[in-house]
């Protein structure tokens, strides 16, 4: 059963839409956020979690823009949402420009109809974040665009689940792309950084019989570790909010930099250095964490360099020396 509430909020261009859902306790809930036009990853993830008509699927917004297959992703999502067990939220990227004449009119109607909040008895779903006030008084721009929500939010009385801000941006020692469950604040953040980062993945967060779990898919080549590797646990992963660096030695492949906030020095790939207002920045692959692995472990190769690769294992990123790997 669904009941919609519409109320004018501070943003004059958009009316807040809230969808209330009554979900039976025995239903498995699958939540996916920030697909960003990667329909083939989306399909693969649904297959991996064995999505069926017995489940409830909730999409937390940012469905079709920025990725490789925006139109195909939107086509698939529109059809999927015709099912009675599939619901989609609006994200900050889910707006169709009037000049986008390559899309059908029903696509625009679909995007315009999406709610900003889905509320159930136990969880409130929203794209980016919520303020600590009644749902009907929420500001649309806040719901769609607030960054760093997990850190700035005060605790909620019931669970709030969000996407929008990749979870790796909360990982200051080593990069992780796994959903974050904050029991104190009752916030679950699930955006794996698909498309947005060089190293992201598409996560599905699963709620079944009161238990939390997750699955993910990614589009990287797999390799096998040929020997046990004792890595080095990192103490620095440069995140978006703390992205500013000083370049100490500019190299062709790697550059030595100093992280402005912590003062720590590390080598980062020269190609990932970028500039904002004339200041040097580094994000993604900007970590001193080296993975520890066992012989025969399968890892995903994100980026290869002359003597090392940036890899991922079970949703954790880090460096591996090339001579320890065997490509499959």
C-alpha atoms as a PDB file:
ATOM      1  CA  UNK A   1       0.000   0.000   0.000  1.00  0.00           C
ATOM      2  CA  UNK A   2       1.342   3.458  -0.871  1.00  0.00           C
ATOM      3  CA  UNK A   3       0.306   6.953   0.172  1.00  0.00           C
ATOM      4  CA  UNK A   4       1.832  10.111  -1.281  1.00  0.00           C
ATOM      5  CA  UNK A   5       2.293  13.440   0.501  1.00  0.00           C
ATOM      6  CA  UNK A   6       3.116  16.600  -1.452  1.00  0.00           C
ATOM      7  CA  UNK A   7       4.072  19.845   0.218  1.00  0.00           C
ATOM      8  CA  UNK A   8       5.705  23.073  -0.970  1.00  0.00           C
ATOM      9  CA  UNK A   9       9.181  23.653   0.495  1.00  0.00           C
ATOM     10  CA  UNK A  10      11.762  26.445   0.327  1.00  0.00           C
ATOM     11  CA  UNK A  11      12.951  25.561  -3.165  1.00  0.00           C
ATOM     12  CA  UNK A  12      10.331  27.162  -5.450  1.00  0.00           C
ATOM     13  CA  UNK A  13      11.327  24.966  -8.386  1.00  0.00           C
ATOM     14  CA  UNK A  14      10.484  21.668  -6.749  1.00  0.00           C
ATOM     15  CA  UNK A  15       7.745  20.298  -4.515  1.00  0.00           C
ATOM     16  CA  UNK A  16       8.648  17.752  -1.890  1.00  0.00           C
ATOM     17  CA  UNK A  17       7.203  14.310  -2.615  1.00  0.00           C
ATOM     18  CA  UNK A  18       7.079  11.625   0.075  1.00  0.00           C
ATOM     19  CA  UNK A  19       6.040   8.048  -0.583  1.00  0.00           C
ATOM     20  CA  UNK A  20       4.915   5.982   2.408  1.00  0.00           C
ATOM     21  CA  UNK A  21       5.233   2.230   1.992  1.00  0.00           C
ATOM     22  CA  UNK A  22       3.849  -0.585   4.115  1.00  0.00           C
ATOM     23  CA  UNK A  23       6.312  -3.433   3.618  1.00  0.00           C
ATOM     24  CA  UNK A  24       5.477  -6.858   5.095  1.00  0.00           C
ATOM     25  CA  UNK A  25       8.037  -8.038   7.642  1.00  0.00           C
ATOM     26  CA  UNK A  26       8.807 -11.184   5.639  1.00  0.00           C
ATOM     27  CA  UNK A  27       9.845  -9.252   2.526  1.00  0.00           C
ATOM     28  CA  UNK A  28      13.501  -8.922   1.557  1.00  0.00           C
ATOM     29  CA  UNK A  29      14.415  -5.290   0.799  1.00  0.00           C
ATOM     30  CA  UNK A  30      17.153  -4.589  -1.753  1.00  0.00           C
ATOM     31  CA  UNK A  31      18.415  -1.005  -1.992  1.00  0.00           C
ATOM     32  CA  UNK A  32      20.671   0.259  -4.794  1.00  0.00           C
ATOM     33  CA  UNK A  33      21.906   3.818  -5.272  1.00  0.00           C
ATOM     34  CA  UNK A  34      23.780   5.877  -7.854  1.00  0.00           C
ATOM     35  CA  UNK A  35      23.647   3.582 -10.877  1.00  0.00           C
ATOM     36  CA  UNK A  36      24.735   6.502 -13.077  1.00  0.00           C
ATOM     37  CA  UNK A  37      23.862   5.032 -16.441  1.00  0.00           C
ATOM     38  CA  UNK A  38      25.627   1.672 -16.025  1.00  0.00           C
ATOM     39  CA  UNK A  39      22.739  -0.565 -17.019  1.00  0.00           C
ATOM     40  CA  UNK A  40      24.866  -3.674 -17.508  1.00  0.00           C
ATOM     41  CA  UNK A  41      26.293  -3.435 -14.004  1.00  0.00           C
ATOM     42  CA  UNK A  42      22.763  -2.809 -12.744  1.00  0.00           C
ATOM     43  CA  UNK A  43      21.464  -5.944 -14.472  1.00  0.00           C
ATOM     44  CA  UNK A  44      24.430  -7.972 -13.219  1.00  0.00           C
ATOM     45  CA  UNK A  45      23.807  -6.832  -9.648  1.00  0.00           C
ATOM     46  CA  UNK A  46      20.119  -7.743  -9.781  1.00  0.00           C
ATOM     47  CA  UNK A  47      21.116 -11.183 -11.052  1.00  0.00           C
ATOM     48  CA  UNK A  48      23.776 -11.577  -8.363  1.00  0.00           C
ATOM     49  CA  UNK A  49      21.296 -10.900  -5.555  1.00  0.00           C
ATOM     50  CA  UNK A  50      18.665 -13.126  -7.242  1.00  0.00           C
ATOM     51  CA  UNK A  51      16.122 -10.303  -7.360  1.00  0.00           C
ATOM     52  CA  UNK A  52      12.594 -11.623  -7.828  1.00  0.00           C
ATOM     53  CA  UNK A  53       8.971 -10.547  -7.579  1.00  0.00           C
ATOM     54  CA  UNK A  54       9.029 -11.656  -3.941  1.00  0.00           C
ATOM     55  CA  UNK A  55      11.481  -8.862  -3.060  1.00  0.00           C
ATOM     56  CA  UNK A  56      11.111  -5.107  -2.625  1.00  0.00           C
ATOM     57  CA  UNK A  57      13.596  -3.109  -4.721  1.00  0.00           C
ATOM     58  CA  UNK A  58      14.266   0.539  -3.829  1.00  0.00           C
ATOM     59  CA  UNK A  59      16.494   2.723  -6.029  1.00  0.00           C
ATOM     60  CA  UNK A  60      17.970   5.692  -4.182  1.00  0.00           C
ATOM     61  CA  UNK A  61      18.390   8.029  -7.143  1.00  0.00           C
ATOM     62  CA  UNK A  62      21.015   9.159  -9.668  1.00  0.00           C
ATOM     63  CA  UNK A  63      19.775   6.569 -12.099  1.00  0.00           C
ATOM     64  CA  UNK A  64      20.872   7.479 -15.575  1.00  0.00           C
ATOM     65  CA  UNK A  65      23.315  10.388 -16.026  1.00  0.00           C
ATOM     66  CA  UNK A  66      27.149  10.360 -16.173  1.00  0.00           C
ATOM     67  CA  UNK A  67      27.633   6.736 -17.203  1.00  0.00           C
ATOM     68  CA  UNK A  68      28.107   4.996 -20.530  1.00  0.00           C
ATOM     69  CA  UNK A  69      24.503   3.952 -21.205  1.00  0.00           C
ATOM     70  CA  UNK A  70      22.150   6.666 -19.937  1.00  0.00           C
ATOM     71  CA  UNK A  71      19.229   6.043 -22.298  1.00  0.00           C
ATOM     72  CA  UNK A  72      19.402   2.264 -21.958  1.00  0.00           C
ATOM     73  CA  UNK A  73      19.533   2.583 -18.172  1.00  0.00           C
ATOM     74  CA  UNK A  74      16.532   4.874 -18.123  1.00  0.00           C
ATOM     75  CA  UNK A  75      14.583   2.565 -20.458  1.00  0.00           C
ATOM     76  CA  UNK A  76      15.321  -0.412 -18.224  1.00  0.00           C
ATOM     77  CA  UNK A  77      14.445   1.466 -15.025  1.00  0.00           C
ATOM     78  CA  UNK A  78      11.162   2.811 -16.385  1.00  0.00           C
ATOM     79  CA  UNK A  79      10.110  -0.714 -17.323  1.00  0.00           C
ATOM     80  CA  UNK A  80      11.331  -2.126 -14.019  1.00  0.00           C
ATOM     81  CA  UNK A  81       9.343   0.429 -12.019  1.00  0.00           C
ATOM     82  CA  UNK A  82       6.138  -0.756 -13.656  1.00  0.00           C
ATOM     83  CA  UNK A  83       6.391  -3.725 -11.313  1.00  0.00           C
ATOM     84  CA  UNK A  84       4.467  -3.363  -8.074  1.00  0.00           C
ATOM     85  CA  UNK A  85       7.530  -4.228  -5.984  1.00  0.00           C
ATOM     86  CA  UNK A  86       9.985  -1.663  -7.447  1.00  0.00           C
ATOM     87  CA  UNK A  87      10.264   1.946  -6.282  1.00  0.00           C
ATOM     88  CA  UNK A  88      12.664   4.704  -7.315  1.00  0.00           C
ATOM     89  CA  UNK A  89      13.697   7.973  -5.646  1.00  0.00           C
ATOM     90  CA  UNK A  90      14.844  11.118  -7.361  1.00  0.00           C
ATOM     91  CA  UNK A  91      18.532  12.012  -7.146  1.00  0.00           C
ATOM     92  CA  UNK A  92      20.266  15.272  -7.958  1.00  0.00           C
ATOM     93  CA  UNK A  93      21.132  13.893 -11.431  1.00  0.00           C
ATOM     94  CA  UNK A  94      17.597  12.764 -12.256  1.00  0.00           C
ATOM     95  CA  UNK A  95      16.421  15.876 -14.059  1.00  0.00           C
ATOM     96  CA  UNK A  96      15.868  15.994 -17.794  1.00  0.00           C
ATOM     97  CA  UNK A  97      16.934  19.090 -19.690  1.00  0.00           C
ATOM     98  CA  UNK A  98      14.379  20.411 -22.161  1.00  0.00           C
ATOM     99  CA  UNK A  99      16.962  20.033 -24.954  1.00  0.00           C
ATOM    100  CA  UNK A 100      17.267  16.274 -24.441  1.00  0.00           C
ATOM    101  CA  UNK A 101      15.026  15.439 -27.383  1.00  0.00           C
ATOM    102  CA  UNK A 102      16.590  11.993 -27.802  1.00  0.00           C
ATOM    103  CA  UNK A 103      14.526  10.741 -24.886  1.00  0.00           C
ATOM    104  CA  UNK A 104      10.860   9.925 -24.961  1.00  0.00           C
ATOM    105  CA  UNK A 105       8.302  12.105 -23.231  1.00  0.00           C
ATOM    106  CA  UNK A 106       7.423   9.288 -20.834  1.00  0.00           C
ATOM    107  CA  UNK A 107      10.998   9.396 -19.521  1.00  0.00           C
ATOM    108  CA  UNK A 108      10.546  13.006 -18.444  1.00  0.00           C
ATOM    109  CA  UNK A 109       7.166  12.197 -16.916  1.00  0.00           C
ATOM    110  CA  UNK A 110       8.765   9.310 -15.029  1.00  0.00           C
ATOM    111  CA  UNK A 111      11.612  11.428 -13.637  1.00  0.00           C
ATOM    112  CA  UNK A 112       9.290  14.287 -12.686  1.00  0.00           C
ATOM    113  CA  UNK A 113       7.049  11.878 -10.794  1.00  0.00           C
ATOM    114  CA  UNK A 114       9.753  10.377  -8.588  1.00  0.00           C
ATOM    115  CA  UNK A 115       9.461  11.015  -4.840  1.00  0.00           C
ATOM    116  CA  UNK A 116      12.289  12.541  -2.822  1.00  0.00           C
ATOM    117  CA  UNK A 117      11.700  10.406   0.273  1.00  0.00           C
ATOM    118  CA  UNK A 118      10.414   6.878   0.793  1.00  0.00           C
ATOM    119  CA  UNK A 119       9.315   6.154   4.342  1.00  0.00           C
ATOM    120  CA  UNK A 120       8.673   2.734   5.848  1.00  0.00           C
ATOM    121  CA  UNK A 121       8.045   1.674   9.438  1.00  0.00           C
ATOM    122  CA  UNK A 122      11.719   0.960  10.077  1.00  0.00           C
ATOM    123  CA  UNK A 123      13.742   2.907   7.480  1.00  0.00           C
ATOM    124  CA  UNK A 124      13.565   6.251   5.701  1.00  0.00           C
ATOM    125  CA  UNK A 125      15.178   6.251   2.252  1.00  0.00           C
ATOM    126  CA  UNK A 126      16.490   9.459   0.664  1.00  0.00           C
ATOM    127  CA  UNK A 127      19.120  10.253  -1.958  1.00  0.00           C
ATOM    128  CA  UNK A 128      21.530  12.482  -0.013  1.00  0.00           C
ATOM    129  CA  UNK A 129      20.315  13.269   3.480  1.00  0.00           C
ATOM    130  CA  UNK A 130      17.682  14.486   5.922  1.00  0.00           C
ATOM    131  CA  UNK A 131      17.444  17.242   8.496  1.00  0.00           C
ATOM    132  CA  UNK A 132      16.342  16.533  12.053  1.00  0.00           C
ATOM    133  CA  UNK A 133      12.783  17.696  11.590  1.00  0.00           C
ATOM    134  CA  UNK A 134       9.450  16.354  10.388  1.00  0.00           C
ATOM    135  CA  UNK A 135       9.632  14.720   6.983  1.00  0.00           C
ATOM    136  CA  UNK A 136       6.973  16.996   5.522  1.00  0.00           C
ATOM    137  CA  UNK A 137       9.165  20.010   6.386  1.00  0.00           C
ATOM    138  CA  UNK A 138      12.303  18.732   4.623  1.00  0.00           C
ATOM    139  CA  UNK A 139      14.046  20.931   2.063  1.00  0.00           C
ATOM    140  CA  UNK A 140      14.297  19.340  -1.388  1.00  0.00           C
ATOM    141  CA  UNK A 141      17.781  20.696  -2.108  1.00  0.00           C
ATOM    142  CA  UNK A 142      19.062  19.248   1.151  1.00  0.00           C
ATOM    143  CA  UNK A 143      17.487  15.867   0.380  1.00  0.00           C
ATOM    144  CA  UNK A 144      19.109  15.788  -3.055  1.00  0.00           C
ATOM    145  CA  UNK A 145      22.492  17.447  -2.650  1.00  0.00           C
ATOM    146  CA  UNK A 146      23.887  17.548   0.899  1.00  0.00           C
ATOM    147  CA  UNK A 147      27.429  16.177   1.047  1.00  0.00           C
ATOM    148  CA  UNK A 148      29.213  14.488   3.917  1.00  0.00           C
ATOM    149  CA  UNK A 149      25.857  13.644   5.497  1.00  0.00           C
ATOM    150  CA  UNK A 150      27.118  10.751   7.599  1.00  0.00           C
ATOM    151  CA  UNK A 151      29.548  13.027   9.453  1.00  0.00           C
ATOM    152  CA  UNK A 152      27.461  16.178   9.858  1.00  0.00           C
ATOM    153  CA  UNK A 153      24.110  14.582  10.735  1.00  0.00           C
ATOM    154  CA  UNK A 154      22.801  14.220  14.263  1.00  0.00           C
ATOM    155  CA  UNK A 155      21.487  10.796  15.368  1.00  0.00           C
ATOM    156  CA  UNK A 156      18.074   9.713  14.103  1.00  0.00           C
ATOM    157  CA  UNK A 157      15.421   7.750  15.958  1.00  0.00           C
ATOM    158  CA  UNK A 158      15.030   5.268  13.118  1.00  0.00           C
ATOM    159  CA  UNK A 159      17.289   4.207  10.302  1.00  0.00           C
ATOM    160  CA  UNK A 160      17.963   6.590   7.409  1.00  0.00           C
ATOM    161  CA  UNK A 161      19.525   5.130   4.243  1.00  0.00           C
ATOM    162  CA  UNK A 162      21.306   7.351   1.727  1.00  0.00           C
ATOM    163  CA  UNK A 163      23.435   7.278  -1.398  1.00  0.00           C
ATOM    164  CA  UNK A 164      24.864  10.331  -3.250  1.00  0.00           C
ATOM    165  CA  UNK A 165      28.195  10.675  -1.401  1.00  0.00           C
ATOM    166  CA  UNK A 166      30.582   7.780  -2.128  1.00  0.00           C
ATOM    167  CA  UNK A 167      31.429   5.876   1.042  1.00  0.00           C
ATOM    168  CA  UNK A 168      35.162   5.953   0.217  1.00  0.00           C
ATOM    169  CA  UNK A 169      35.029   9.669   1.074  1.00  0.00           C
ATOM    170  CA  UNK A 170      34.557   8.688   4.718  1.00  0.00           C
ATOM    171  CA  UNK A 171      37.618   6.407   4.793  1.00  0.00           C
ATOM    172  CA  UNK A 172      40.634   8.404   5.932  1.00  0.00           C
ATOM    173  CA  UNK A 173      43.145   5.570   6.441  1.00  0.00           C
ATOM    174  CA  UNK A 174      42.427   3.135   3.609  1.00  0.00           C
ATOM    175  CA  UNK A 175      39.848   3.134   0.839  1.00  0.00           C
ATOM    176  CA  UNK A 176      36.736   1.033   1.357  1.00  0.00           C
ATOM    177  CA  UNK A 177      33.736   0.884  -0.962  1.00  0.00           C
ATOM    178  CA  UNK A 178      31.552  -1.208   1.332  1.00  0.00           C
ATOM    179  CA  UNK A 179      28.315   0.259   2.703  1.00  0.00           C
ATOM    180  CA  UNK A 180      28.739   1.977   6.059  1.00  0.00           C
ATOM    181  CA  UNK A 181      26.369   1.182   8.928  1.00  0.00           C
ATOM    182  CA  UNK A 182      26.528   3.772  11.711  1.00  0.00           C
ATOM    183  CA  UNK A 183      24.611   2.306  14.649  1.00  0.00           C
ATOM    184  CA  UNK A 184      24.917   5.430  16.798  1.00  0.00           C
ATOM    185  CA  UNK A 185      23.454   7.799  14.210  1.00  0.00           C
ATOM    186  CA  UNK A 186      21.218   5.149  12.623  1.00  0.00           C
ATOM    187  CA  UNK A 187      22.493   6.050   9.157  1.00  0.00           C
ATOM    188  CA  UNK A 188      23.352   3.609   6.371  1.00  0.00           C
ATOM    189  CA  UNK A 189      25.396   5.005   3.480  1.00  0.00           C
ATOM    190  CA  UNK A 190      25.568   2.747   0.419  1.00  0.00           C
ATOM    191  CA  UNK A 191      27.032   4.658  -2.562  1.00  0.00           C
ATOM    192  CA  UNK A 192      29.979   2.586  -3.808  1.00  0.00           C
ATOM    193  CA  UNK A 193      31.160   5.336  -6.164  1.00  0.00           C
ATOM    194  CA  UNK A 194      30.083   3.688  -9.410  1.00  0.00           C
ATOM    195  CA  UNK A 195      31.289   5.900 -12.325  1.00  0.00           C
ATOM    196  CA  UNK A 196      32.124   8.831 -10.025  1.00  0.00           C
ATOM    197  CA  UNK A 197      35.500   7.443  -8.954  1.00  0.00           C
ATOM    198  CA  UNK A 198      38.199   5.580 -10.852  1.00  0.00           C
ATOM    199  CA  UNK A 199      37.823   2.747  -8.367  1.00  0.00           C
ATOM    200  CA  UNK A 200      34.107   2.533  -7.572  1.00  0.00           C
ATOM    201  CA  UNK A 201      31.579  -0.292  -7.492  1.00  0.00           C
ATOM    202  CA  UNK A 202      27.798  -0.691  -7.539  1.00  0.00           C
ATOM    203  CA  UNK A 203      26.422  -1.839  -4.181  1.00  0.00           C
ATOM    204  CA  UNK A 204      23.181  -3.554  -3.243  1.00  0.00           C
ATOM    205  CA  UNK A 205      22.239  -3.274   0.427  1.00  0.00           C
ATOM    206  CA  UNK A 206      20.012  -6.111   1.616  1.00  0.00           C
ATOM    207  CA  UNK A 207      17.658  -6.215   4.590  1.00  0.00           C
ATOM    208  CA  UNK A 208      16.214  -9.627   5.379  1.00  0.00           C
ATOM    209  CA  UNK A 209      14.612 -10.780   8.629  1.00  0.00           C
ATOM    210  CA  UNK A 210      16.145  -7.820  10.420  1.00  0.00           C
ATOM    211  CA  UNK A 211      19.666  -8.675   9.237  1.00  0.00           C
ATOM    212  CA  UNK A 212      21.883  -6.457   7.070  1.00  0.00           C
ATOM    213  CA  UNK A 213      24.145  -7.666   4.252  1.00  0.00           C
ATOM    214  CA  UNK A 214      25.373  -6.452   0.895  1.00  0.00           C
ATOM    215  CA  UNK A 215      26.614  -7.523  -2.534  1.00  0.00           C
ATOM    216  CA  UNK A 216      28.424  -5.583  -5.232  1.00  0.00           C
ATOM    217  CA  UNK A 217      29.549  -5.713  -8.841  1.00  0.00           C
ATOM    218  CA  UNK A 218      32.325  -3.845 -10.631  1.00  0.00           C
ATOM    219  CA  UNK A 219      33.832  -3.653 -14.079  1.00  0.00           C
ATOM    220  CA  UNK A 220      37.508  -4.446 -13.548  1.00  0.00           C
ATOM    221  CA  UNK A 221      39.802  -7.193 -14.809  1.00  0.00           C
ATOM    222  CA  UNK A 222      40.404 -10.016 -12.327  1.00  0.00           C
ATOM    223  CA  UNK A 223      43.837 -11.361 -11.426  1.00  0.00           C
ATOM    224  CA  UNK A 224      45.199 -14.034  -9.105  1.00  0.00           C
ATOM    225  CA  UNK A 225      47.779 -13.518  -6.365  1.00  0.00           C
ATOM    226  CA  UNK A 226      50.678 -15.963  -6.857  1.00  0.00           C
ATOM    227  CA  UNK A 227      52.021 -15.818  -3.303  1.00  0.00           C
ATOM    228  CA  UNK A 228      51.118 -14.633   0.169  1.00  0.00           C
ATOM    229  CA  UNK A 229      51.504 -10.879   0.365  1.00  0.00           C
ATOM    230  CA  UNK A 230      52.111  -9.059   3.624  1.00  0.00           C
ATOM    231  CA  UNK A 231      50.918  -5.558   2.895  1.00  0.00           C
ATOM    232  CA  UNK A 232      51.311  -2.374   4.869  1.00  0.00           C
ATOM    233  CA  UNK A 233      48.223  -1.030   6.604  1.00  0.00           C
ATOM    234  CA  UNK A 234      47.645   2.496   5.462  1.00  0.00           C
ATOM    235  CA  UNK A 235      47.289   5.560   7.621  1.00  0.00           C
ATOM    236  CA  UNK A 236      46.203   7.937   4.864  1.00  0.00           C
ATOM    237  CA  UNK A 237      43.528   7.865   2.198  1.00  0.00           C
ATOM    238  CA  UNK A 238      42.957  11.315   0.721  1.00  0.00           C
ATOM    239  CA  UNK A 239      39.218  11.989   0.592  1.00  0.00           C
ATOM    240  CA  UNK A 240      37.286  14.609  -1.336  1.00  0.00           C
ATOM    241  CA  UNK A 241      36.715  16.982   1.596  1.00  0.00           C
ATOM    242  CA  UNK A 242      40.437  16.952   2.453  1.00  0.00           C
ATOM    243  CA  UNK A 243      41.788  16.779  -1.102  1.00  0.00           C
ATOM    244  CA  UNK A 244      44.385  19.551  -1.081  1.00  0.00           C
ATOM    245  CA  UNK A 245      48.064  18.640  -1.433  1.00  0.00           C
ATOM    246  CA  UNK A 246      51.469  20.221  -1.943  1.00  0.00           C
ATOM    247  CA  UNK A 247      53.605  18.714  -4.700  1.00  0.00           C
ATOM    248  CA  UNK A 248      57.108  18.048  -3.392  1.00  0.00           C
ATOM    249  CA  UNK A 249      58.557  16.138  -6.362  1.00  0.00           C
ATOM    250  CA  UNK A 250      56.719  15.996  -9.681  1.00  0.00           C
ATOM    251  CA  UNK A 251      57.468  12.673 -11.425  1.00  0.00           C
ATOM    252  CA  UNK A 252      56.389  11.241 -14.753  1.00  0.00           C
ATOM    253  CA  UNK A 253      54.478   8.313 -13.236  1.00  0.00           C
ATOM    254  CA  UNK A 254      54.355   9.025  -9.483  1.00  0.00           C
ATOM    255  CA  UNK A 255      54.754  12.278  -7.582  1.00  0.00           C
ATOM    256  CA  UNK A 256      55.729  12.842  -3.977  1.00  0.00           C
ATOM    257  CA  UNK A 257      53.148  15.029  -2.262  1.00  0.00           C
ATOM    258  CA  UNK A 258      52.337  16.355   1.181  1.00  0.00           C
ATOM    259  CA  UNK A 259      48.747  16.167   2.360  1.00  0.00           C
ATOM    260  CA  UNK A 260      47.849  19.652   3.571  1.00  0.00           C
ATOM    261  CA  UNK A 261      45.475  18.632   6.381  1.00  0.00           C
ATOM    262  CA  UNK A 262      47.621  15.925   7.997  1.00  0.00           C
ATOM    263  CA  UNK A 263      51.110  16.943   6.848  1.00  0.00           C
ATOM    264  CA  UNK A 264      51.771  13.339   5.806  1.00  0.00           C
ATOM    265  CA  UNK A 265      53.824  12.582   2.705  1.00  0.00           C
ATOM    266  CA  UNK A 266      53.042   9.880   0.148  1.00  0.00           C
ATOM    267  CA  UNK A 267      53.504   9.023  -3.509  1.00  0.00           C
ATOM    268  CA  UNK A 268      50.444   9.312  -5.734  1.00  0.00           C
ATOM    269  CA  UNK A 269      49.996   8.691  -9.471  1.00  0.00           C
ATOM    270  CA  UNK A 270      50.832  11.924 -11.258  1.00  0.00           C
ATOM    271  CA  UNK A 271      47.834  11.482 -13.557  1.00  0.00           C
ATOM    272  CA  UNK A 272      45.328  11.748 -10.688  1.00  0.00           C
ATOM    273  CA  UNK A 273      46.547  15.180  -9.553  1.00  0.00           C
ATOM    274  CA  UNK A 274      44.126  17.947 -10.455  1.00  0.00           C
ATOM    275  CA  UNK A 275      43.624  21.602  -9.572  1.00  0.00           C
ATOM    276  CA  UNK A 276      40.847  23.566  -7.927  1.00  0.00           C
ATOM    277  CA  UNK A 277      41.126  27.363  -7.712  1.00  0.00           C
ATOM    278  CA  UNK A 278      44.812  26.980  -8.492  1.00  0.00           C
ATOM    279  CA  UNK A 279      45.388  24.516  -5.638  1.00  0.00           C
ATOM    280  CA  UNK A 280      46.679  20.983  -6.245  1.00  0.00           C
ATOM    281  CA  UNK A 281      44.305  18.159  -5.285  1.00  0.00           C
ATOM    282  CA  UNK A 282      44.388  14.359  -5.235  1.00  0.00           C
ATOM    283  CA  UNK A 283      41.485  11.926  -4.858  1.00  0.00           C
ATOM    284  CA  UNK A 284      40.959   8.242  -5.726  1.00  0.00           C
ATOM    285  CA  UNK A 285      44.103   6.036  -5.709  1.00  0.00           C
ATOM    286  CA  UNK A 286      45.664   8.559  -3.282  1.00  0.00           C
ATOM    287  CA  UNK A 287      46.527   6.225  -0.424  1.00  0.00           C
ATOM    288  CA  UNK A 288      49.532   4.582   1.193  1.00  0.00           C
ATOM    289  CA  UNK A 289      47.613   1.378   1.948  1.00  0.00           C
ATOM    290  CA  UNK A 290      49.059  -1.892   0.563  1.00  0.00           C
ATOM    291  CA  UNK A 291      46.768  -4.934   0.499  1.00  0.00           C
ATOM    292  CA  UNK A 292      47.553  -8.080   2.488  1.00  0.00           C
ATOM    293  CA  UNK A 293      46.494 -11.180   0.541  1.00  0.00           C
ATOM    294  CA  UNK A 294      46.795 -14.966   0.449  1.00  0.00           C
ATOM    295  CA  UNK A 295      48.106 -17.035  -2.446  1.00  0.00           C
ATOM    296  CA  UNK A 296      45.258 -17.774  -4.835  1.00  0.00           C
ATOM    297  CA  UNK A 297      43.166 -14.782  -3.785  1.00  0.00           C
ATOM    298  CA  UNK A 298      41.318 -13.104  -6.635  1.00  0.00           C
ATOM    299  CA  UNK A 299      41.606  -9.344  -6.876  1.00  0.00           C
ATOM    300  CA  UNK A 300      40.262  -6.680  -9.217  1.00  0.00           C
ATOM    301  CA  UNK A 301      42.793  -4.514 -11.025  1.00  0.00           C
ATOM    302  CA  UNK A 302      41.716  -0.879 -11.109  1.00  0.00           C
ATOM    303  CA  UNK A 303      44.843   0.696 -12.576  1.00  0.00           C
ATOM    304  CA  UNK A 304      48.217  -0.750 -13.558  1.00  0.00           C
ATOM    305  CA  UNK A 305      51.548   1.076 -13.362  1.00  0.00           C
ATOM    306  CA  UNK A 306      55.099   0.018 -14.176  1.00  0.00           C
ATOM    307  CA  UNK A 307      55.855  -1.761 -10.898  1.00  0.00           C
ATOM    308  CA  UNK A 308      52.548  -1.903  -9.053  1.00  0.00           C
ATOM    309  CA  UNK A 309      48.801  -1.953  -9.462  1.00  0.00           C
ATOM    310  CA  UNK A 310      45.977  -0.399  -7.574  1.00  0.00           C
ATOM    311  CA  UNK A 311      43.641  -3.280  -6.767  1.00  0.00           C
ATOM    312  CA  UNK A 312      40.537  -4.154  -4.795  1.00  0.00           C
ATOM    313  CA  UNK A 313      39.781  -7.169  -2.674  1.00  0.00           C
ATOM    314  CA  UNK A 314      36.343  -7.689  -1.127  1.00  0.00           C
ATOM    315  CA  UNK A 315      35.523  -4.002  -1.408  1.00  0.00           C
ATOM    316  CA  UNK A 316      38.830  -2.714   0.016  1.00  0.00           C
ATOM    317  CA  UNK A 317      41.336  -0.875  -2.184  1.00  0.00           C
ATOM    318  CA  UNK A 318      45.114  -0.685  -2.026  1.00  0.00           C
ATOM    319  CA  UNK A 319      48.420  -1.242  -3.785  1.00  0.00           C
ATOM    320  CA  UNK A 320      50.062  -4.540  -4.801  1.00  0.00           C
ATOM    321  CA  UNK A 321      53.483  -5.022  -6.344  1.00  0.00           C
ATOM    322  CA  UNK A 322      53.131  -6.398  -9.865  1.00  0.00           C
ATOM    323  CA  UNK A 323      55.468  -9.378  -9.447  1.00  0.00           C
ATOM    324  CA  UNK A 324      52.998 -10.949  -6.988  1.00  0.00           C
ATOM    325  CA  UNK A 325      50.202 -11.171  -9.536  1.00  0.00           C
ATOM    326  CA  UNK A 326      49.208 -13.517 -12.329  1.00  0.00           C
ATOM    327  CA  UNK A 327      46.688 -12.223 -14.831  1.00  0.00           C
ATOM    328  CA  UNK A 328      43.733 -14.396 -15.705  1.00  0.00           C
END
